[in-house]
C-alpha atoms as a PDB file:
ATOM      1  CA  MET A   1      77.321 107.440  66.022  1.00  0.00           C
ATOM      2  CA  GLU A   2      80.822 107.819  67.505  1.00  0.00           C
ATOM      3  CA  ASN A   3      79.321 108.271  70.959  1.00  0.00           C
ATOM      4  CA  ILE A   4      77.017 105.278  70.550  1.00  0.00           C
ATOM      5  CA  ILE A   5      79.860 103.016  69.382  1.00  0.00           C
ATOM      6  CA  GLY A   6      82.126 104.137  72.223  1.00  0.00           C
ATOM      7  CA  LEU A   7      79.481 103.562  74.855  1.00  0.00           C
ATOM      8  CA  GLY A   8      78.544 100.209  73.320  1.00  0.00           C
ATOM      9  CA  VAL A   9      82.135  98.941  73.268  1.00  0.00           C
ATOM     10  CA  GLY A  10      82.675 100.070  76.850  1.00  0.00           C
ATOM     11  CA  LEU A  11      79.518  98.355  78.085  1.00  0.00           C
ATOM     12  CA  ILE A  12      80.359  95.109  76.280  1.00  0.00           C
ATOM     13  CA  ILE A  13      83.872  95.003  77.779  1.00  0.00           C
ATOM     14  CA  ALA A  14      82.515  95.777  81.249  1.00  0.00           C
ATOM     15  CA  GLY A  15      79.841  93.108  80.791  1.00  0.00           C
ATOM     16  CA  LEU A  16      82.473  90.477  80.029  1.00  0.00           C
ATOM     17  CA  GLY A  17      84.341  91.526  83.158  1.00  0.00           C
ATOM     18  CA  ILE A  18      81.198  91.237  85.275  1.00  0.00           C
ATOM     19  CA  TYR A  19      80.596  87.735  83.880  1.00  0.00           C
ATOM     20  CA  MET A  20      84.121  86.647  84.865  1.00  0.00           C
ATOM     21  CA  CYS A  21      83.764  88.125  88.353  1.00  0.00           C
ATOM     22  CA  VAL A  22      80.414  86.439  88.968  1.00  0.00           C
ATOM     23  CA  THR A  23      81.192  83.005  87.482  1.00  0.00           C
ATOM     24  CA  GLY A  24      84.934  82.668  88.098  1.00  0.00           C
ATOM     25  CA  ASP A  25      85.183  81.332  84.531  1.00  0.00           C
ATOM     26  CA  VAL A  26      88.714  81.923  83.233  1.00  0.00           C
ATOM     27  CA  ARG A  27      88.059  80.684  79.690  1.00  0.00           C
ATOM     28  CA  LEU A  28      87.518  84.173  78.267  1.00  0.00           C
ATOM     29  CA  LEU A  29      91.287  84.594  78.577  1.00  0.00           C
ATOM     30  CA  HIS A  30      93.656  83.094  76.036  1.00  0.00           C
ATOM     31  CA  GLY A  31      94.656  79.584  77.066  1.00  0.00           C
ATOM     32  CA  TYR A  32      98.308  80.515  77.457  1.00  0.00           C
ATOM     33  CA  HIS A  33      97.348  83.104  80.097  1.00  0.00           C
ATOM     34  CA  TYR A  34      96.235  80.355  82.495  1.00  0.00           C
ATOM     35  CA  ALA A  35      97.939  77.197  81.155  1.00  0.00           C
ATOM     36  CA  THR A  36     100.128  76.789  84.255  1.00  0.00           C
ATOM     37  CA  THR A  37      97.768  78.406  86.759  1.00  0.00           C
ATOM     38  CA  PRO A  38      96.763  75.889  89.469  1.00  0.00           C
ATOM     39  CA  ALA A  39      93.139  74.837  89.114  1.00  0.00           C
ATOM     40  CA  SER A  40      92.374  76.121  92.601  1.00  0.00           C
ATOM     41  CA  GLU A  41      93.540  79.633  91.631  1.00  0.00           C
ATOM     42  CA  ARG A  42      91.783  79.904  88.274  1.00  0.00           C
ATOM     43  CA  PRO A  43      88.502  81.288  89.655  1.00  0.00           C
ATOM     44  CA  GLN A  44      90.442  83.996  91.495  1.00  0.00           C
ATOM     45  CA  LEU A  45      92.423  84.784  88.329  1.00  0.00           C
ATOM     46  CA  ALA A  46      89.107  85.140  86.482  1.00  0.00           C
ATOM     47  CA  ARG A  47      87.792  87.549  89.095  1.00  0.00           C
ATOM     48  CA  GLU A  48      90.978  89.629  89.176  1.00  0.00           C
ATOM     49  CA  THR A  49      91.176  89.968  85.388  1.00  0.00           C
ATOM     50  CA  GLY A  50      87.405  90.494  85.255  1.00  0.00           C
ATOM     51  CA  ALA A  51      87.782  93.481  87.562  1.00  0.00           C
ATOM     52  CA  GLY A  52      90.396  94.847  85.151  1.00  0.00           C
ATOM     53  CA  LEU A  53      87.995  94.409  82.228  1.00  0.00           C
ATOM     54  CA  ILE A  54      85.322  96.326  84.114  1.00  0.00           C
ATOM     55  CA  GLY A  55      87.814  99.145  84.591  1.00  0.00           C
ATOM     56  CA  CYS A  56      88.717  99.083  80.887  1.00  0.00           C
ATOM     57  CA  GLY A  57      85.062  99.223  79.915  1.00  0.00           C
ATOM     58  CA  ALA A  58      84.455 102.173  82.211  1.00  0.00           C
ATOM     59  CA  SER A  59      87.480 103.975  80.769  1.00  0.00           C
ATOM     60  CA  PHE A  60      86.006 103.709  77.258  1.00  0.00           C
ATOM     61  CA  VAL A  61      82.787 105.259  78.526  1.00  0.00           C
ATOM     62  CA  PHE A  62      84.789 108.198  79.924  1.00  0.00           C
ATOM     63  CA  LEU A  63      87.183 108.609  76.991  1.00  0.00           C
ATOM     64  CA  VAL A  64      85.054 108.378  73.846  1.00  0.00           C
ATOM     65  CA  PRO A  65      81.815 110.377  74.253  1.00  0.00           C
ATOM     66  CA  SER A  66      82.217 114.006  73.208  1.00  0.00           C
ATOM     67  CA  PHE A  67      79.397 115.283  75.418  1.00  0.00           C
ATOM     68  CA  LEU A  68      81.222 114.557  78.696  1.00  0.00           C
ATOM     69  CA  PRO A  69      83.503 117.089  80.477  1.00  0.00           C
ATOM     70  CA  ASP A  70      87.172 117.015  79.447  1.00  0.00           C
ATOM     71  CA  TRP A  71      88.346 116.146  82.957  1.00  0.00           C
ATOM     72  CA  LEU A  72      86.605 112.777  82.616  1.00  0.00           C
ATOM     73  CA  SER A  73      89.009 112.007  79.754  1.00  0.00           C
ATOM     74  CA  ILE A  74      91.861 112.273  82.258  1.00  0.00           C
ATOM     75  CA  LEU A  75      90.054 109.910  84.606  1.00  0.00           C
ATOM     76  CA  GLY A  76      89.405 107.520  81.707  1.00  0.00           C
ATOM     77  CA  ALA A  77      93.058 107.482  80.632  1.00  0.00           C
ATOM     78  CA  VAL A  78      94.276 106.835  84.180  1.00  0.00           C
ATOM     79  CA  LEU A  79      91.672 104.110  84.708  1.00  0.00           C
ATOM     80  CA  LEU A  80      92.579 102.412  81.426  1.00  0.00           C
ATOM     81  CA  VAL A  81      96.291 102.245  82.272  1.00  0.00           C
ATOM     82  CA  ALA A  82      95.632 101.069  85.825  1.00  0.00           C
ATOM     83  CA  SER A  83      93.171  98.387  84.675  1.00  0.00           C
ATOM     84  CA  ILE A  84      95.514  96.951  82.055  1.00  0.00           C
ATOM     85  CA  ALA A  85      98.382  96.929  84.567  1.00  0.00           C
ATOM     86  CA  GLU A  86      96.198  95.135  87.119  1.00  0.00           C
ATOM     87  CA  MET A  87      95.284  92.405  84.623  1.00  0.00           C
ATOM     88  CA  LEU A  88      98.885  91.831  83.528  1.00  0.00           C
ATOM     89  CA  ILE A  89     100.112  91.648  87.122  1.00  0.00           C
ATOM     90  CA  ALA A  90      97.352  89.176  88.039  1.00  0.00           C
ATOM     91  CA  ILE A  91      98.207  86.887  85.105  1.00  0.00           C
ATOM     92  CA  ILE A  92     101.958  86.942  85.774  1.00  0.00           C
ATOM     93  CA  ARG A  93     101.492  86.374  89.512  1.00  0.00           C
ATOM     94  CA  ARG A  94      99.094  83.424  89.224  1.00  0.00           C
ATOM     95  CA  ASN A  95     100.288  81.898  85.936  1.00  0.00           C
ATOM     96  CA  GLY A  96     104.025  82.341  86.491  1.00  0.00           C
ATOM     97  CA  GLY A  97     104.333  84.217  83.213  1.00  0.00           C
ATOM     98  CA  LEU A  98     102.298  86.245  80.763  1.00  0.00           C
ATOM     99  CA  ALA A  99     102.275  83.375  78.258  1.00  0.00           C
ATOM    100  CA  THR A 100     102.821  79.723  79.188  1.00  0.00           C
ATOM    101  CA  PHE A 101     101.730  76.552  77.425  1.00  0.00           C
ATOM    102  CA  PRO A 102     100.047  73.258  78.395  1.00  0.00           C
ATOM    103  CA  GLY A 103     102.521  70.705  79.685  1.00  0.00           C
ATOM    104  CA  ASP A 104     104.984  73.302  80.956  1.00  0.00           C
ATOM    105  CA  THR A 105     106.402  72.406  84.350  1.00  0.00           C
ATOM    106  CA  ARG A 106     108.376  75.629  84.501  1.00  0.00           C
ATOM    107  CA  PRO A 107     106.773  78.965  85.387  1.00  0.00           C
ATOM    108  CA  GLY A 108     107.616  80.509  82.024  1.00  0.00           C
ATOM    109  CA  LEU A 109     110.852  81.567  80.330  1.00  0.00           C
ATOM    110  CA  PHE A 110     111.311  84.898  82.054  1.00  0.00           C
ATOM    111  CA  ALA A 111     110.306  83.615  85.480  1.00  0.00           C
ATOM    112  CA  SER A 112     112.618  80.578  85.244  1.00  0.00           C
ATOM    113  CA  MET A 113     115.750  82.604  84.456  1.00  0.00           C
ATOM    114  CA  HIS A 114     118.504  83.098  86.995  1.00  0.00           C
ATOM    115  CA  PRO A 115     117.482  86.107  89.133  1.00  0.00           C
ATOM    116  CA  GLY A 116     120.628  88.039  88.203  1.00  0.00           C
ATOM    117  CA  ILE A 117     120.135  87.536  84.462  1.00  0.00           C
ATOM    118  CA  ARG A 118     116.443  88.341  84.753  1.00  0.00           C
ATOM    119  CA  MET A 119     117.158  91.561  86.615  1.00  0.00           C
ATOM    120  CA  ALA A 120     119.858  92.588  84.100  1.00  0.00           C
ATOM    121  CA  LEU A 121     117.419  92.084  81.218  1.00  0.00           C
ATOM    122  CA  ALA A 122     114.725  94.026  83.079  1.00  0.00           C
ATOM    123  CA  VAL A 123     117.118  96.924  83.694  1.00  0.00           C
ATOM    124  CA  CYS A 124     118.110  97.002  80.011  1.00  0.00           C
ATOM    125  CA  LEU A 125     114.489  96.800  78.851  1.00  0.00           C
ATOM    126  CA  GLY A 126     113.375  99.429  81.348  1.00  0.00           C
ATOM    127  CA  ALA A 127     116.201 101.761  80.343  1.00  0.00           C
ATOM    128  CA  ALA A 128     115.316 101.398  76.660  1.00  0.00           C
ATOM    129  CA  LEU A 129     111.617 102.029  77.320  1.00  0.00           C
ATOM    130  CA  SER A 130     112.380 105.009  79.555  1.00  0.00           C
ATOM    131  CA  LEU A 131     114.216 106.740  76.723  1.00  0.00           C
ATOM    132  CA  LEU A 132     110.939 106.853  74.777  1.00  0.00           C
ATOM    133  CA  GLY A 133     109.712 109.394  77.319  1.00  0.00           C
ATOM    134  CA  ILE A 134     112.890 110.976  78.657  1.00  0.00           C
ATOM    135  CA  VAL A 135     114.497 111.920  75.320  1.00  0.00           C
ATOM    136  CA  PRO A 136     111.525 113.738  73.715  1.00  0.00           C
ATOM    137  CA  GLY A 137     110.586 115.204  77.099  1.00  0.00           C
ATOM    138  CA  ALA A 138     114.041 116.680  77.627  1.00  0.00           C
ATOM    139  CA  GLN A 139     114.025 118.006  74.058  1.00  0.00           C
ATOM    140  CA  MET A 140     110.696 119.760  74.617  1.00  0.00           C
ATOM    141  CA  ILE A 141     111.970 121.403  77.807  1.00  0.00           C
ATOM    142  CA  ALA A 142     115.256 122.476  76.204  1.00  0.00           C
ATOM    143  CA  THR A 143     113.766 123.868  72.997  1.00  0.00           C
ATOM    144  CA  GLY A 144     110.278 124.977  74.072  1.00  0.00           C
ATOM    145  CA  ASP A 145     108.980 123.227  70.952  1.00  0.00           C
ATOM    146  CA  VAL A 146     105.583 121.510  71.231  1.00  0.00           C
ATOM    147  CA  GLY A 147     105.888 119.863  67.813  1.00  0.00           C
ATOM    148  CA  SER A 148     105.974 116.399  69.424  1.00  0.00           C
ATOM    149  CA  LEU A 149     102.301 116.851  70.332  1.00  0.00           C
ATOM    150  CA  HIS A 150      99.434 116.536  67.885  1.00  0.00           C
ATOM    151  CA  SER A 151      98.667 119.923  66.382  1.00  0.00           C
ATOM    152  CA  TYR A 152      95.114 119.931  67.759  1.00  0.00           C
ATOM    153  CA  HIS A 153      96.552 119.737  71.283  1.00  0.00           C
ATOM    154  CA  TYR A 154      98.006 123.242  70.966  1.00  0.00           C
ATOM    155  CA  ALA A 155      95.857 124.801  68.213  1.00  0.00           C
ATOM    156  CA  HIS A 156      94.290 127.308  70.631  1.00  0.00           C
ATOM    157  CA  VAL A 157      97.310 127.908  72.877  1.00  0.00           C
ATOM    158  CA  ALA A 158      98.569 131.494  72.941  1.00  0.00           C
ATOM    159  CA  ALA A 159     102.009 131.882  71.399  1.00  0.00           C
ATOM    160  CA  ALA A 160     103.421 133.188  74.672  1.00  0.00           C
ATOM    161  CA  ASP A 161     102.225 130.051  76.477  1.00  0.00           C
ATOM    162  CA  LEU A 162     103.726 127.513  74.052  1.00  0.00           C
ATOM    163  CA  PRO A 163     107.093 127.307  75.883  1.00  0.00           C
ATOM    164  CA  ARG A 164     105.274 126.776  79.189  1.00  0.00           C
ATOM    165  CA  LEU A 165     103.181 124.019  77.661  1.00  0.00           C
ATOM    166  CA  ALA A 166     106.332 122.420  76.259  1.00  0.00           C
ATOM    167  CA  THR A 167     107.988 122.495  79.706  1.00  0.00           C
ATOM    168  CA  CYS A 168     104.965 120.979  81.453  1.00  0.00           C
ATOM    169  CA  GLU A 169     104.451 118.275  78.831  1.00  0.00           C
ATOM    170  CA  GLY A 170     108.186 117.525  78.714  1.00  0.00           C
ATOM    171  CA  ALA A 171     108.332 117.071  82.485  1.00  0.00           C
ATOM    172  CA  CYS A 172     105.385 114.665  82.342  1.00  0.00           C
ATOM    173  CA  MET A 173     107.015 112.686  79.533  1.00  0.00           C
ATOM    174  CA  ILE A 174     110.211 112.356  81.578  1.00  0.00           C
ATOM    175  CA  ALA A 175     108.121 111.123  84.501  1.00  0.00           C
ATOM    176  CA  LEU A 176     106.505 108.543  82.192  1.00  0.00           C
ATOM    177  CA  GLY A 177     109.941 107.298  81.195  1.00  0.00           C
ATOM    178  CA  ILE A 178     111.041 106.963  84.818  1.00  0.00           C
ATOM    179  CA  ALA A 179     107.803 105.135  85.635  1.00  0.00           C
ATOM    180  CA  LEU A 180     108.394 102.608  82.847  1.00  0.00           C
ATOM    181  CA  PHE A 181     111.872 101.897  84.192  1.00  0.00           C
ATOM    182  CA  CYS A 182     110.534 101.398  87.733  1.00  0.00           C
ATOM    183  CA  CYS A 183     107.805  99.026  86.548  1.00  0.00           C
ATOM    184  CA  ALA A 184     110.205  96.946  84.433  1.00  0.00           C
ATOM    185  CA  VAL A 185     112.621  96.444  87.335  1.00  0.00           C
ATOM    186  CA  ALA A 186     109.794  95.805  89.806  1.00  0.00           C
ATOM    187  CA  GLY A 187     108.217  93.257  87.464  1.00  0.00           C
ATOM    188  CA  ALA A 188     111.420  91.209  87.455  1.00  0.00           C
ATOM    189  CA  GLY A 189     111.599  91.358  91.239  1.00  0.00           C
ATOM    190  CA  MET A 190     107.962  90.324  91.675  1.00  0.00           C
ATOM    191  CA  LEU A 191     108.649  86.950  90.035  1.00  0.00           C
ATOM    192  CA  ARG A 192     110.725  85.899  93.044  1.00  0.00           C
ATOM    193  CA  ARG A 193     109.074  83.745  95.698  1.00  0.00           C
ATOM    194  CA  PRO A 194     108.321  84.963  98.253  1.00  0.00           C
ATOM    195  CA  MET A 195     107.639  88.244  96.505  1.00  0.00           C
ATOM    196  CA  PRO A 196     109.994  90.876  97.994  1.00  0.00           C
ATOM    197  CA  LEU A 197     108.556  93.987  99.569  1.00  0.00           C
ATOM    198  CA  TRP A 198     110.849  96.308  97.584  1.00  0.00           C
ATOM    199  CA  ALA A 199     109.405  94.991  94.297  1.00  0.00           C
ATOM    200  CA  LYS A 200     105.843  95.638  95.440  1.00  0.00           C
ATOM    201  CA  ALA A 201     106.742  99.131  96.631  1.00  0.00           C
ATOM    202  CA  LEU A 202     108.614  99.958  93.420  1.00  0.00           C
ATOM    203  CA  MET A 203     105.704  98.714  91.285  1.00  0.00           C
ATOM    204  CA  CYS A 204     103.295 100.888  93.269  1.00  0.00           C
ATOM    205  CA  LEU A 205     105.618 103.860  92.851  1.00  0.00           C
ATOM    206  CA  GLY A 206     105.911 103.250  89.111  1.00  0.00           C
ATOM    207  CA  ALA A 207     102.144 102.869  88.715  1.00  0.00           C
ATOM    208  CA  VAL A 208     101.410 106.048  90.678  1.00  0.00           C
ATOM    209  CA  LEU A 209     104.069 107.995  88.772  1.00  0.00           C
ATOM    210  CA  PHE A 210     102.804 106.695  85.409  1.00  0.00           C
ATOM    211  CA  THR A 211      99.150 107.502  86.059  1.00  0.00           C
ATOM    212  CA  GLY A 212     100.028 110.883  87.548  1.00  0.00           C
ATOM    213  CA  ALA A 213     102.223 111.801  84.589  1.00  0.00           C
ATOM    214  CA  LEU A 214      99.567 110.703  82.105  1.00  0.00           C
ATOM    215  CA  ALA A 215      96.923 112.697  83.927  1.00  0.00           C
ATOM    216  CA  GLY A 216      99.287 115.671  83.995  1.00  0.00           C
ATOM    217  CA  MET A 217      99.865 115.533  80.243  1.00  0.00           C
ATOM    218  CA  LEU A 218      96.140 115.598  79.563  1.00  0.00           C
ATOM    219  CA  GLY A 219      95.457 118.174  82.255  1.00  0.00           C
ATOM    220  CA  PHE A 220      98.059 120.670  81.005  1.00  0.00           C
ATOM    221  CA  ILE A 221      96.713 120.393  77.449  1.00  0.00           C
ATOM    222  CA  ILE A 222      93.204 121.176  78.693  1.00  0.00           C
ATOM    223  CA  TYR A 223      94.514 124.048  80.842  1.00  0.00           C
ATOM    224  CA  PHE A 224      96.507 125.769  78.082  1.00  0.00           C
ATOM    225  CA  ASN A 225      94.449 124.728  75.046  1.00  0.00           C
ATOM    226  CA  GLY A 226      90.986 124.946  76.534  1.00  0.00           C
ATOM    227  CA  SER A 227      90.201 121.345  75.536  1.00  0.00           C
ATOM    228  CA  LEU A 228      91.983 118.173  74.491  1.00  0.00           C
ATOM    229  CA  MET A 229      91.483 118.973  70.810  1.00  0.00           C
END
């Protein structure tokens, strides 16, 4: 039943994405995601977010079923993160903000801020988010304690390998924190027009680092534990 539900949810989500790509109908999004999007760009917004939904649906198909190889779970996790990021970037780029409202002449609160203030807020937010990965990651490396993981992620790991698992997982968590900081700063820069090259490059770096770190976390668990759970 769990496999059937997972596959069904994934196929439904992918089906909605296919509909948006084929029709260019943006109305499956919340209204505030396209309230200030020019009418000429709404079909393209529908297709871009539809492609993200297809990726999300495929990730569910890879993540949920228990009869698939464990390495597909890594692919599913990476695809899910990348698909969500793609949808958010598409909405912000074409709508001027993640949430705007009918009648707005401004591109959204965050986008309309002074660039210096916006960047300062992004740096503060990115730094705060990065600590969610850096602090526990550094603790795992320093102590060799894998207690931050779910117990089923290390239930079959040999006692001698627990410190190695802690080091590998801690390094990946630190990388996740750095990736979040990069993406927060890049997101603030991408709201400038014309969009600066450094912001695009930093967002790509953050996305690659995030997906790589997430894949590494799952991969090391499978390597040391024999399976994800």
